[in-house]
N, C-alpha and C. Protein backbone atom coordinates (compact mmCIF):
# COMPACT_ATOMS: atom_id res chain seq x y z
N UNK A 1 -0.75 -4.57 -36.29
CA UNK A 1 -0.57 -3.02 -36.08
C UNK A 1 -0.81 -2.44 -34.91
N UNK A 2 -0.11 -1.57 -34.14
CA UNK A 2 -0.88 -0.88 -33.01
C UNK A 2 -1.55 0.26 -33.21
N UNK A 3 -2.83 0.20 -32.54
CA UNK A 3 -3.98 1.19 -32.46
C UNK A 3 -3.24 2.43 -31.77
N UNK A 4 -2.85 3.58 -32.46
CA UNK A 4 -2.55 4.76 -31.59
C UNK A 4 -3.58 5.23 -30.85
N UNK A 5 -4.83 5.05 -31.38
CA UNK A 5 -5.76 5.57 -30.54
C UNK A 5 -6.39 4.86 -29.44
N UNK A 6 -5.81 3.74 -29.51
CA UNK A 6 -6.20 2.81 -28.12
C UNK A 6 -5.69 3.48 -26.80
N UNK A 7 -6.31 3.56 -25.78
CA UNK A 7 -5.95 4.13 -24.56
C UNK A 7 -4.69 3.42 -23.94
N UNK A 8 -3.74 4.06 -23.66
CA UNK A 8 -2.47 3.61 -23.10
C UNK A 8 -2.43 3.78 -21.58
N UNK A 9 -2.04 2.66 -20.85
CA UNK A 9 -1.85 2.63 -19.64
C UNK A 9 -0.75 3.61 -19.06
N UNK A 10 -0.91 4.39 -17.91
CA UNK A 10 -0.02 5.32 -17.37
C UNK A 10 0.68 4.35 -16.43
N UNK A 11 2.08 4.46 -16.53
CA UNK A 11 2.94 3.79 -15.39
C UNK A 11 2.69 4.54 -13.94
N UNK A 12 2.43 3.71 -12.95
CA UNK A 12 2.32 4.41 -11.57
C UNK A 12 3.36 5.25 -11.37
N UNK A 13 2.92 6.42 -10.64
CA UNK A 13 3.79 7.48 -10.15
C UNK A 13 4.43 7.23 -8.92
N UNK A 14 5.62 6.74 -8.74
CA UNK A 14 6.20 6.36 -7.48
C UNK A 14 7.08 7.46 -6.77
N UNK A 15 7.10 7.37 -5.49
CA UNK A 15 7.88 8.35 -4.62
C UNK A 15 8.72 7.31 -3.54
N UNK A 16 10.03 7.75 -3.54
CA UNK A 16 10.85 7.11 -2.58
C UNK A 16 11.00 8.09 -1.42
N UNK A 17 10.20 7.75 -0.32
CA UNK A 17 10.30 8.45 0.77
C UNK A 17 11.56 9.04 1.42
N UNK A 18 11.67 10.29 1.57
CA UNK A 18 12.88 10.87 2.22
C UNK A 18 12.55 11.12 3.63
N UNK A 19 13.48 11.64 4.34
CA UNK A 19 13.60 11.86 5.65
C UNK A 19 12.45 12.79 6.35
N UNK A 20 12.28 13.72 5.43
CA UNK A 20 11.08 14.77 5.84
C UNK A 20 9.81 14.22 5.57
N UNK A 21 9.60 13.61 4.44
CA UNK A 21 8.28 12.81 4.09
C UNK A 21 7.88 11.92 5.03
N UNK A 22 8.99 11.22 5.61
CA UNK A 22 8.55 10.19 6.43
C UNK A 22 8.10 10.49 7.78
N UNK A 23 8.53 11.75 8.09
CA UNK A 23 8.20 12.37 9.58
C UNK A 23 6.71 12.96 9.46
N UNK A 24 6.45 13.60 8.29
CA UNK A 24 5.13 14.08 7.91
C UNK A 24 4.06 13.16 7.92
N UNK A 25 4.51 11.92 7.16
CA UNK A 25 3.46 10.95 6.90
C UNK A 25 3.07 9.92 8.19
N UNK A 26 3.99 9.99 9.10
CA UNK A 26 3.70 9.34 10.26
C UNK A 26 2.66 9.82 11.29
N UNK A 27 1.43 9.95 10.69
CA UNK A 27 0.34 10.42 11.52
C UNK A 27 -1.10 9.81 11.02
N UNK A 28 -1.80 9.14 12.03
CA UNK A 28 -2.98 8.36 11.63
C UNK A 28 -3.87 9.08 10.57
N UNK A 29 -4.39 10.30 10.59
CA UNK A 29 -5.12 11.00 9.72
C UNK A 29 -4.43 11.32 8.24
N UNK A 30 -2.87 11.62 8.45
CA UNK A 30 -2.27 11.84 7.30
C UNK A 30 -2.27 10.65 6.43
N UNK A 31 -2.01 9.64 6.97
CA UNK A 31 -1.83 8.31 6.18
C UNK A 31 -3.09 8.02 5.45
N UNK A 32 -4.24 8.26 6.23
CA UNK A 32 -5.56 7.84 5.70
C UNK A 32 -6.09 8.84 4.70
N UNK A 33 -5.67 10.17 4.94
CA UNK A 33 -5.99 11.01 3.59
C UNK A 33 -5.19 10.64 2.53
N UNK A 34 -4.01 10.49 2.57
CA UNK A 34 -3.27 10.14 1.25
C UNK A 34 -3.67 8.76 0.68
N UNK A 35 -4.00 7.89 1.60
CA UNK A 35 -4.74 6.55 0.96
C UNK A 35 -5.98 6.79 0.43
N UNK A 36 -6.82 7.75 0.82
CA UNK A 36 -8.16 8.11 0.43
C UNK A 36 -8.06 8.66 -1.05
N UNK A 37 -7.01 9.64 -1.16
CA UNK A 37 -6.94 10.29 -2.34
C UNK A 37 -6.28 9.36 -3.47
N UNK A 38 -5.58 8.48 -2.98
CA UNK A 38 -4.88 7.50 -3.90
C UNK A 38 -6.05 6.51 -4.45
N UNK A 39 -6.94 6.06 -3.46
CA UNK A 39 -7.91 5.11 -4.10
C UNK A 39 -9.12 5.82 -4.80
N UNK A 40 -9.53 6.82 -4.16
CA UNK A 40 -10.92 7.65 -4.67
C UNK A 40 -10.64 8.67 -5.67
N UNK A 41 -9.46 9.04 -5.63
CA UNK A 41 -9.27 10.24 -6.56
C UNK A 41 -9.38 11.62 -5.78
N UNK A 42 -9.12 12.69 -6.67
CA UNK A 42 -9.38 13.96 -6.05
C UNK A 42 -10.50 14.22 -5.38
N UNK A 43 -10.41 14.91 -4.18
CA UNK A 43 -11.55 15.53 -3.28
C UNK A 43 -11.16 16.54 -2.70
N UNK A 44 -12.27 17.27 -2.13
CA UNK A 44 -12.05 18.49 -1.23
C UNK A 44 -11.95 18.15 0.25
N UNK A 45 -11.48 19.11 0.86
CA UNK A 45 -11.30 18.77 2.55
C UNK A 45 -12.55 18.35 2.95
N UNK A 46 -13.80 18.85 2.61
CA UNK A 46 -14.90 18.74 3.22
C UNK A 46 -15.27 17.31 3.01
N UNK A 47 -15.21 16.83 1.53
CA UNK A 47 -15.40 15.51 1.23
C UNK A 47 -14.68 14.31 1.97
N UNK A 48 -13.44 14.80 2.05
CA UNK A 48 -12.42 13.85 2.88
C UNK A 48 -13.05 13.70 4.33
N UNK A 49 -13.20 14.95 4.95
CA UNK A 49 -13.77 14.80 6.20
C UNK A 49 -14.99 14.11 6.42
N UNK A 50 -15.72 14.08 5.53
CA UNK A 50 -17.14 13.09 5.63
C UNK A 50 -16.74 11.63 5.47
N UNK A 51 -15.77 11.31 4.49
CA UNK A 51 -15.36 9.93 4.39
C UNK A 51 -14.66 9.30 5.57
N UNK A 52 -13.68 10.23 6.20
CA UNK A 52 -12.75 9.64 7.25
C UNK A 52 -13.40 10.13 8.74
N UNK A 53 -14.63 10.67 8.74
CA UNK A 53 -15.29 10.83 10.10
C UNK A 53 -14.43 11.85 10.82
N UNK A 54 -14.26 12.92 10.40
CA UNK A 54 -13.47 14.23 10.99
C UNK A 54 -14.13 15.35 10.54
N UNK A 55 -13.25 16.45 10.88
CA UNK A 55 -13.79 17.80 10.55
C UNK A 55 -12.88 18.36 9.47
N UNK A 56 -13.61 19.20 8.79
CA UNK A 56 -12.89 19.98 7.64
C UNK A 56 -11.78 20.77 7.88
N UNK A 57 -11.68 21.42 9.27
CA UNK A 57 -10.66 22.05 9.74
C UNK A 57 -9.22 21.08 10.00
N UNK A 58 -9.41 19.89 10.37
CA UNK A 58 -8.38 19.05 10.61
C UNK A 58 -7.87 18.54 8.95
N UNK A 59 -8.85 18.23 8.30
CA UNK A 59 -8.20 17.57 7.17
C UNK A 59 -7.69 18.79 6.27
N UNK A 60 -8.03 20.02 6.16
CA UNK A 60 -7.42 20.98 5.65
C UNK A 60 -5.96 21.16 6.13
N UNK A 61 -5.90 21.25 7.50
CA UNK A 61 -4.58 21.42 7.95
C UNK A 61 -3.67 20.27 7.64
N UNK A 62 -4.04 19.14 7.72
CA UNK A 62 -3.15 17.99 7.41
C UNK A 62 -2.80 17.59 6.01
N UNK A 63 -3.90 18.22 5.17
CA UNK A 63 -3.47 18.17 3.60
C UNK A 63 -2.45 19.17 3.27
N UNK A 64 -2.38 20.40 3.91
CA UNK A 64 -1.43 21.41 3.70
C UNK A 64 0.05 20.88 4.30
N UNK A 65 -0.17 20.03 5.19
CA UNK A 65 1.25 19.55 5.70
C UNK A 65 1.71 18.38 4.76
N UNK A 66 0.92 17.61 4.06
CA UNK A 66 1.27 16.84 3.28
C UNK A 66 1.70 17.33 1.88
N UNK A 67 1.16 18.41 1.57
CA UNK A 67 1.53 19.42 0.34
C UNK A 67 2.77 19.94 0.59
N UNK A 68 3.33 20.33 1.77
CA UNK A 68 4.64 20.84 1.92
C UNK A 68 5.54 19.96 1.54
N UNK A 69 5.40 18.60 1.79
CA UNK A 69 6.53 17.79 1.41
C UNK A 69 6.27 17.04 0.08
N UNK A 70 5.31 17.45 -0.76
CA UNK A 70 5.12 16.92 -2.05
C UNK A 70 4.39 15.68 -2.02
N UNK A 71 3.57 15.19 -1.07
CA UNK A 71 2.91 14.03 -1.17
C UNK A 71 1.52 14.29 -1.80
N UNK A 72 1.08 15.46 -1.53
CA UNK A 72 -0.46 15.69 -2.08
C UNK A 72 -0.05 17.02 -2.81
N UNK A 73 -1.18 17.32 -3.80
CA UNK A 73 -0.91 18.84 -4.51
C UNK A 73 -2.38 19.22 -4.78
N UNK A 74 -2.67 20.45 -4.70
CA UNK A 74 -3.81 21.01 -5.24
C UNK A 74 -4.14 20.67 -6.61
N UNK A 75 -5.52 20.42 -7.11
CA UNK A 75 -6.14 20.15 -8.46
C UNK A 75 -6.54 21.49 -8.99
N UNK A 76 -5.86 22.44 -9.53
CA UNK A 76 -6.36 23.78 -10.06
C UNK A 76 -7.47 23.36 -10.98
N UNK A 77 -7.47 22.61 -11.66
CA UNK A 77 -8.42 22.21 -12.74
C UNK A 77 -9.95 21.98 -12.36
N UNK A 78 -9.91 21.52 -11.03
CA UNK A 78 -11.31 21.19 -10.38
C UNK A 78 -11.73 22.28 -9.33
N UNK A 79 -10.84 23.21 -9.11
CA UNK A 79 -11.35 24.14 -8.02
C UNK A 79 -12.17 25.07 -8.60
N UNK A 80 -13.22 25.48 -7.79
CA UNK A 80 -14.44 26.79 -8.10
C UNK A 80 -14.45 27.51 -6.95
N UNK A 81 -14.05 28.87 -7.15
CA UNK A 81 -14.18 29.83 -6.26
C UNK A 81 -13.00 29.34 -5.06
N UNK A 82 -13.58 29.43 -3.88
CA UNK A 82 -12.75 29.02 -2.45
C UNK A 82 -12.78 27.55 -2.49
N UNK A 83 -13.49 26.84 -3.16
CA UNK A 83 -13.36 25.39 -3.14
C UNK A 83 -12.01 25.08 -3.48
N UNK A 84 -11.39 24.34 -2.77
CA UNK A 84 -9.79 23.71 -3.18
C UNK A 84 -10.09 21.92 -3.16
N UNK A 85 -9.58 21.48 -4.34
CA UNK A 85 -9.44 20.27 -4.51
C UNK A 85 -8.22 19.66 -4.38
N UNK A 86 -7.86 18.52 -3.84
CA UNK A 86 -6.73 17.90 -3.67
C UNK A 86 -6.40 16.60 -4.40
N UNK A 87 -5.27 16.45 -4.64
CA UNK A 87 -5.02 15.09 -5.21
C UNK A 87 -3.70 14.25 -4.80
N UNK A 88 -3.61 13.05 -4.73
CA UNK A 88 -2.30 12.49 -4.46
C UNK A 88 -1.30 12.76 -5.49
N UNK A 89 -0.10 13.04 -5.24
CA UNK A 89 0.92 13.42 -6.00
C UNK A 89 1.76 12.16 -6.75
N UNK A 90 1.35 11.02 -6.07
CA UNK A 90 1.94 9.80 -6.26
C UNK A 90 0.85 8.55 -6.41
N UNK A 91 1.18 7.45 -7.00
CA UNK A 91 0.39 6.39 -6.75
C UNK A 91 1.01 5.24 -5.89
N UNK A 92 2.23 5.13 -5.87
CA UNK A 92 2.86 4.23 -4.85
C UNK A 92 3.93 4.91 -4.07
N UNK A 93 4.11 4.45 -3.05
CA UNK A 93 5.18 4.79 -1.91
C UNK A 93 6.28 3.80 -1.74
N UNK A 94 7.55 4.01 -1.83
CA UNK A 94 8.54 3.10 -1.80
C UNK A 94 9.46 3.65 -0.64
N UNK A 95 10.18 2.62 -0.08
CA UNK A 95 11.01 2.86 0.97
C UNK A 95 11.77 1.44 1.41
N UNK A 96 13.20 1.54 1.86
CA UNK A 96 13.66 0.44 2.39
C UNK A 96 13.85 0.80 3.97
N UNK A 97 13.69 -0.22 4.96
CA UNK A 97 13.84 0.38 6.21
C UNK A 97 15.31 1.12 6.83
N UNK A 98 16.22 0.44 6.08
CA UNK A 98 17.51 1.04 6.22
C UNK A 98 17.81 2.29 5.76
N UNK A 99 16.71 2.93 5.00
CA UNK A 99 16.96 4.21 4.41
C UNK A 99 17.06 5.40 5.48
N UNK A 100 16.69 4.94 6.74
CA UNK A 100 16.65 5.79 7.88
C UNK A 100 17.37 5.50 8.97
N UNK A 101 18.35 4.49 8.78
CA UNK A 101 19.19 4.12 10.03
C UNK A 101 19.84 5.26 10.60
N UNK A 102 20.12 6.18 9.86
CA UNK A 102 21.22 7.47 10.24
C UNK A 102 20.35 8.37 11.04
N UNK A 103 18.92 8.44 11.01
CA UNK A 103 17.98 9.38 11.84
C UNK A 103 17.18 8.56 12.55
N UNK A 104 17.17 8.78 13.91
CA UNK A 104 16.24 8.16 14.75
C UNK A 104 14.94 8.40 14.70
N UNK A 105 14.68 9.84 14.65
CA UNK A 105 13.08 10.24 14.43
C UNK A 105 12.60 9.81 13.15
N UNK A 106 13.37 9.66 12.03
CA UNK A 106 12.65 8.92 10.76
C UNK A 106 12.47 7.60 10.90
N UNK A 107 13.69 6.90 11.63
CA UNK A 107 13.44 5.50 11.80
C UNK A 107 12.24 5.21 12.64
N UNK A 108 11.93 5.92 13.68
CA UNK A 108 10.61 5.72 14.53
C UNK A 108 9.38 6.08 13.55
N UNK A 109 9.56 6.98 12.77
CA UNK A 109 8.36 7.19 11.97
C UNK A 109 8.19 6.10 10.95
N UNK A 110 9.14 5.65 10.29
CA UNK A 110 8.93 4.47 9.44
C UNK A 110 8.30 3.16 10.06
N UNK A 111 8.79 3.01 11.27
CA UNK A 111 8.43 1.70 12.25
C UNK A 111 6.69 1.95 12.48
N UNK A 112 6.46 3.09 12.74
CA UNK A 112 5.14 3.63 12.98
C UNK A 112 4.18 3.26 11.78
N UNK A 113 4.74 3.58 10.48
CA UNK A 113 3.90 3.53 9.46
C UNK A 113 3.76 2.12 9.12
N UNK A 114 4.88 1.20 9.27
CA UNK A 114 4.79 -0.20 9.09
C UNK A 114 3.99 -0.84 9.96
N UNK A 115 4.15 -0.35 11.22
CA UNK A 115 2.94 -0.85 12.23
C UNK A 115 1.45 -0.66 11.83
N UNK A 116 1.29 0.68 11.37
CA UNK A 116 0.03 1.13 10.96
C UNK A 116 -0.49 0.04 9.65
N UNK A 117 0.42 -0.26 8.77
CA UNK A 117 0.06 -1.13 7.61
C UNK A 117 -0.57 -2.55 8.24
N UNK A 118 0.41 -2.81 9.20
CA UNK A 118 -0.19 -4.39 9.52
C UNK A 118 -1.68 -3.96 10.51
N UNK A 119 -1.91 -2.90 11.05
CA UNK A 119 -3.13 -2.72 11.79
C UNK A 119 -4.27 -2.58 10.75
N UNK A 120 -3.98 -1.84 9.58
CA UNK A 120 -4.83 -1.96 8.57
C UNK A 120 -5.23 -3.17 7.84
N UNK A 121 -4.23 -4.16 7.79
CA UNK A 121 -4.42 -5.46 7.16
C UNK A 121 -5.29 -6.08 8.12
N UNK A 122 -5.07 -6.09 9.54
CA UNK A 122 -6.07 -6.80 10.38
C UNK A 122 -7.34 -6.25 10.46
N UNK A 123 -7.51 -4.88 10.23
CA UNK A 123 -8.80 -4.31 10.28
C UNK A 123 -9.61 -4.67 8.64
N UNK A 124 -8.72 -4.68 7.90
CA UNK A 124 -9.38 -5.07 6.51
C UNK A 124 -9.82 -6.55 6.59
N UNK A 125 -9.01 -7.48 7.12
CA UNK A 125 -9.52 -8.98 7.21
C UNK A 125 -10.67 -8.93 8.04
N UNK A 126 -11.06 -8.32 9.16
CA UNK A 126 -12.02 -8.41 9.85
C UNK A 126 -13.23 -7.86 9.26
N UNK A 127 -13.12 -7.04 8.40
CA UNK A 127 -14.11 -6.26 7.74
C UNK A 127 -14.76 -7.38 6.62
N UNK A 128 -13.72 -7.94 6.04
CA UNK A 128 -14.10 -9.01 4.90
C UNK A 128 -14.77 -10.28 5.70
N UNK A 129 -14.17 -10.66 6.79
CA UNK A 129 -14.84 -11.84 7.70
C UNK A 129 -16.48 -11.53 7.85
N UNK A 130 -16.64 -10.37 8.13
CA UNK A 130 -17.97 -9.76 8.50
C UNK A 130 -19.05 -9.87 7.46
N UNK A 131 -18.57 -9.80 6.30
CA UNK A 131 -19.57 -9.76 5.18
C UNK A 131 -19.32 -10.73 4.03
N UNK A 132 -18.10 -11.63 4.27
CA UNK A 132 -17.83 -12.75 3.33
C UNK A 132 -19.10 -13.66 2.63
N UNK A 133 -20.05 -13.73 3.73
CA UNK A 133 -21.17 -14.58 3.28
C UNK A 133 -22.19 -14.06 2.43
N UNK A 134 -21.79 -12.72 2.09
CA UNK A 134 -22.61 -12.08 1.16
C UNK A 134 -22.21 -12.26 -0.32
N UNK A 135 -20.87 -12.95 -0.55
CA UNK A 135 -20.43 -13.11 -1.68
C UNK A 135 -20.51 -14.28 -2.17
N UNK A 136 -20.27 -14.53 -3.65
CA UNK A 136 -20.52 -15.82 -4.15
C UNK A 136 -19.35 -16.90 -3.84
N UNK A 137 -19.59 -18.03 -3.94
CA UNK A 137 -18.58 -19.03 -3.69
C UNK A 137 -17.47 -18.86 -4.46
N UNK A 138 -17.64 -18.45 -5.79
CA UNK A 138 -16.25 -18.19 -6.43
C UNK A 138 -15.20 -17.36 -6.07
N UNK A 139 -15.81 -16.05 -5.46
CA UNK A 139 -14.86 -15.11 -4.82
C UNK A 139 -14.59 -15.59 -3.47
N UNK A 140 -15.33 -16.27 -2.76
CA UNK A 140 -14.90 -16.76 -1.31
C UNK A 140 -13.92 -17.53 -1.43
N UNK A 141 -13.68 -18.31 -2.58
CA UNK A 141 -12.66 -19.32 -2.63
C UNK A 141 -11.27 -18.55 -3.30
N UNK A 142 -11.76 -17.31 -4.11
CA UNK A 142 -10.60 -16.61 -4.77
C UNK A 142 -9.72 -15.88 -3.61
N UNK A 143 -10.57 -15.20 -2.75
CA UNK A 143 -9.94 -14.59 -1.71
C UNK A 143 -9.47 -15.43 -0.68
N UNK A 144 -8.57 -14.73 0.30
CA UNK A 144 -7.93 -15.72 1.36
C UNK A 144 -6.51 -15.27 1.61
N UNK A 145 -5.90 -15.88 2.39
CA UNK A 145 -4.57 -15.79 2.85
C UNK A 145 -3.90 -17.20 2.89
N UNK A 146 -2.52 -17.39 2.73
CA UNK A 146 -1.70 -18.62 2.94
C UNK A 146 -0.41 -18.08 3.34
N UNK A 147 0.19 -19.02 3.65
CA UNK A 147 1.78 -18.95 4.09
C UNK A 147 2.61 -20.01 3.59
N UNK A 148 3.67 -19.98 3.52
CA UNK A 148 4.88 -20.83 3.31
C UNK A 148 6.31 -20.57 4.02
N UNK A 149 6.93 -21.68 4.41
CA UNK A 149 8.27 -21.69 5.02
C UNK A 149 9.25 -22.08 4.09
N UNK A 150 10.40 -21.32 4.29
CA UNK A 150 11.41 -21.63 3.64
C UNK A 150 12.75 -21.36 4.34
N UNK A 151 13.84 -21.54 3.82
CA UNK A 151 15.22 -21.28 4.46
C UNK A 151 16.06 -20.81 3.17
N UNK A 152 16.30 -19.42 2.90
CA UNK A 152 17.02 -18.90 2.06
C UNK A 152 17.78 -17.58 2.57
N UNK A 153 18.72 -17.24 1.70
CA UNK A 153 19.62 -16.03 2.37
C UNK A 153 18.90 -14.73 1.94
N UNK A 154 19.40 -13.64 2.48
CA UNK A 154 18.49 -12.28 2.11
C UNK A 154 18.63 -12.02 0.75
N UNK A 155 19.59 -12.25 0.05
CA UNK A 155 19.71 -11.92 -1.43
C UNK A 155 18.67 -12.69 -2.22
N UNK A 156 18.31 -13.76 -1.91
CA UNK A 156 17.41 -14.70 -2.71
C UNK A 156 15.85 -14.32 -2.21
N UNK A 157 15.83 -13.67 -1.02
CA UNK A 157 14.60 -13.26 -0.67
C UNK A 157 14.15 -11.94 -1.23
N UNK A 158 15.20 -11.10 -1.54
CA UNK A 158 14.93 -9.98 -2.50
C UNK A 158 14.81 -10.18 -3.82
N UNK A 159 15.36 -11.25 -4.39
CA UNK A 159 15.01 -11.66 -5.71
C UNK A 159 13.70 -12.29 -5.78
N UNK A 160 13.03 -12.85 -4.77
CA UNK A 160 12.01 -13.48 -4.79
C UNK A 160 10.66 -12.58 -4.78
N UNK A 161 11.02 -11.50 -3.86
CA UNK A 161 9.95 -10.33 -3.74
C UNK A 161 9.96 -9.57 -5.03
N UNK A 162 11.06 -9.34 -5.70
CA UNK A 162 11.21 -8.40 -6.85
C UNK A 162 10.08 -9.32 -7.95
N UNK A 163 10.38 -10.82 -8.04
CA UNK A 163 9.85 -11.42 -9.11
C UNK A 163 8.20 -11.28 -8.75
N UNK A 164 7.93 -11.51 -7.52
CA UNK A 164 6.46 -11.44 -7.36
C UNK A 164 5.96 -10.21 -7.38
N UNK A 165 6.43 -9.08 -7.26
CA UNK A 165 6.24 -7.94 -7.86
C UNK A 165 5.97 -7.62 -9.17
N UNK A 166 6.78 -8.18 -9.98
CA UNK A 166 6.69 -8.20 -11.32
C UNK A 166 5.19 -8.69 -12.01
N UNK A 167 5.05 -10.02 -11.29
CA UNK A 167 4.00 -10.67 -11.56
C UNK A 167 2.71 -9.85 -11.16
N UNK A 168 2.85 -9.52 -10.02
CA UNK A 168 1.60 -8.42 -9.70
C UNK A 168 1.19 -7.35 -10.37
N UNK A 169 2.44 -6.64 -10.90
CA UNK A 169 2.29 -5.59 -11.85
C UNK A 169 1.83 -5.86 -13.13
N UNK A 170 2.24 -6.84 -13.72
CA UNK A 170 1.80 -7.52 -14.90
C UNK A 170 0.17 -7.71 -14.84
N UNK A 171 -0.11 -8.60 -13.90
CA UNK A 171 -1.65 -8.62 -13.96
C UNK A 171 -2.33 -7.55 -13.62
N UNK A 172 -1.73 -6.51 -12.98
CA UNK A 172 -2.56 -5.18 -12.74
C UNK A 172 -2.61 -4.52 -14.18
N UNK A 173 -1.48 -4.46 -14.97
CA UNK A 173 -1.33 -3.71 -16.05
C UNK A 173 -2.31 -4.36 -17.28
N UNK A 174 -2.41 -5.64 -17.01
CA UNK A 174 -3.23 -6.44 -18.05
C UNK A 174 -4.62 -6.32 -17.81
N UNK A 175 -5.08 -5.99 -16.41
CA UNK A 175 -6.38 -5.95 -15.97
C UNK A 175 -7.14 -5.19 -16.85
N UNK A 176 -8.63 -5.63 -17.11
CA UNK A 176 -9.62 -4.72 -17.65
C UNK A 176 -10.76 -4.68 -16.75
N UNK A 177 -11.04 -3.39 -16.25
CA UNK A 177 -12.04 -2.98 -15.18
C UNK A 177 -13.20 -3.35 -15.78
N UNK A 178 -13.59 -3.15 -17.17
CA UNK A 178 -14.81 -3.68 -17.70
C UNK A 178 -15.20 -5.02 -18.00
N UNK A 179 -14.05 -5.85 -17.67
CA UNK A 179 -14.60 -7.21 -17.83
C UNK A 179 -15.45 -7.66 -17.01
N UNK A 180 -16.42 -8.54 -17.55
CA UNK A 180 -17.65 -8.92 -16.67
C UNK A 180 -17.17 -9.70 -15.47
N UNK A 181 -17.73 -9.41 -14.49
CA UNK A 181 -17.27 -10.11 -13.03
C UNK A 181 -16.13 -9.66 -12.39
N UNK A 182 -15.37 -8.41 -12.89
CA UNK A 182 -14.28 -7.98 -12.33
C UNK A 182 -14.68 -7.35 -11.12
N UNK A 183 -13.88 -7.45 -10.02
CA UNK A 183 -13.96 -6.58 -8.88
C UNK A 183 -12.74 -5.94 -8.48
N UNK A 184 -12.75 -4.93 -7.66
CA UNK A 184 -11.47 -4.25 -7.13
C UNK A 184 -11.00 -5.15 -5.94
N UNK A 185 -9.67 -5.50 -5.74
CA UNK A 185 -9.10 -6.12 -4.92
C UNK A 185 -7.86 -5.64 -4.30
N UNK A 186 -7.55 -6.03 -3.35
CA UNK A 186 -6.07 -5.25 -2.52
C UNK A 186 -5.36 -6.46 -2.22
N UNK A 187 -3.99 -6.76 -2.66
CA UNK A 187 -3.10 -7.80 -2.53
C UNK A 187 -1.98 -7.41 -1.66
N UNK A 188 -1.79 -8.03 -0.47
CA UNK A 188 -0.63 -7.98 0.37
C UNK A 188 0.49 -8.79 0.12
N UNK A 189 1.75 -8.33 0.25
CA UNK A 189 2.87 -9.03 0.28
C UNK A 189 3.77 -8.87 1.39
N UNK A 190 3.88 -9.75 2.12
CA UNK A 190 4.72 -9.77 3.39
C UNK A 190 5.70 -10.88 3.56
N UNK A 191 6.88 -10.67 4.23
CA UNK A 191 7.75 -11.59 4.47
C UNK A 191 8.55 -11.33 5.87
N UNK A 192 8.31 -12.33 6.81
CA UNK A 192 8.91 -12.04 8.09
C UNK A 192 9.64 -13.33 8.59
N UNK A 193 10.80 -13.08 9.35
CA UNK A 193 11.47 -14.18 9.77
C UNK A 193 10.87 -15.07 10.92
N UNK A 194 11.13 -16.28 10.90
CA UNK A 194 10.84 -17.23 12.09
C UNK A 194 11.55 -16.88 13.38
N UNK A 195 11.08 -16.33 14.11
CA UNK A 195 11.81 -15.97 15.53
C UNK A 195 11.94 -17.09 16.46
N UNK A 196 12.78 -16.83 17.57
CA UNK A 196 13.28 -17.84 18.41
C UNK A 196 11.84 -18.55 18.86
N UNK A 197 11.96 -19.91 19.23
CA UNK A 197 10.80 -20.68 19.45
C UNK A 197 10.00 -21.10 18.44
N UNK A 198 10.00 -20.56 17.26
CA UNK A 198 9.18 -20.92 16.16
C UNK A 198 9.88 -21.37 14.86
N UNK A 199 11.07 -21.71 15.01
CA UNK A 199 12.12 -21.81 13.96
C UNK A 199 11.90 -23.25 13.33
N UNK A 200 12.15 -23.46 12.27
CA UNK A 200 11.97 -24.90 11.49
C UNK A 200 12.92 -25.75 11.98
N UNK A 201 12.60 -27.13 11.96
CA UNK A 201 13.66 -28.10 12.48
C UNK A 201 14.63 -28.24 11.24
N UNK A 202 15.71 -28.35 11.75
CA UNK A 202 16.99 -28.60 10.63
C UNK A 202 16.93 -29.77 9.88
N UNK A 203 17.78 -29.80 8.69
CA UNK A 203 17.75 -30.70 7.93
C UNK A 203 18.27 -32.16 8.89
N UNK A 204 17.74 -33.24 8.50
CA UNK A 204 18.50 -34.34 8.92
C UNK A 204 19.90 -34.54 8.80
N UNK A 205 20.61 -35.03 9.62
CA UNK A 205 22.13 -35.25 9.15
C UNK A 205 22.16 -36.24 8.09
N UNK A 206 23.20 -36.02 7.46
CA UNK A 206 23.38 -36.96 6.21
C UNK A 206 23.94 -38.19 6.82
N UNK A 207 23.53 -39.39 6.16
CA UNK A 207 24.06 -40.66 6.59
C UNK A 207 25.70 -40.61 6.12
N UNK A 208 26.28 -41.44 7.11
CA UNK A 208 27.72 -41.58 6.74
C UNK A 208 28.02 -42.87 5.82
N UNK A 209 28.75 -42.72 5.11
CA UNK A 209 29.01 -43.81 4.10
C UNK A 209 29.78 -44.89 4.75
N UNK A 210 29.41 -46.09 4.29
CA UNK A 210 30.27 -47.10 5.03
C UNK A 210 31.15 -47.80 4.14
């Protein structure tokens, strides 16, 4: 029997970026503000300024810009007096690069955001490399990166990504933060083409029947 009193996991709130949102989000401090609110929860502009090593005036201004396009919102239940608390309006951001093919400015914005993701990945990896000796052998073996080569059509690649996301979401939904030894981890998923000069050798020609 299902226990109605057991806590139920909330499905992540997702947003499919529109042209206006992507232009606003394509800014170094704004992407960091949104990321901080999603990871750490509601905060004031002052607290965010401390976390991101900037000033309260800058965080307040850019939070308002994000709020105008619905990416963040005030949290009135936490506000006291003149102190304003902010929260992320969503947990997940979705888009397809082709969503912005008809708008050069929005296309340039999403390309910047994608580049920022790669820069963040490199920074994250470097920070891990600097402290990995402090972690147990089990975690040092569990963390890491790998790659695989294949030759498939775009439809199969889309299907592969969708299936991998389903697995990741299942593990996230089944995760128990109170489980002994549990740690917070971030998992990246990327797929890129092998460009000219790095392509796989073609399959060997089939032998002719005699």
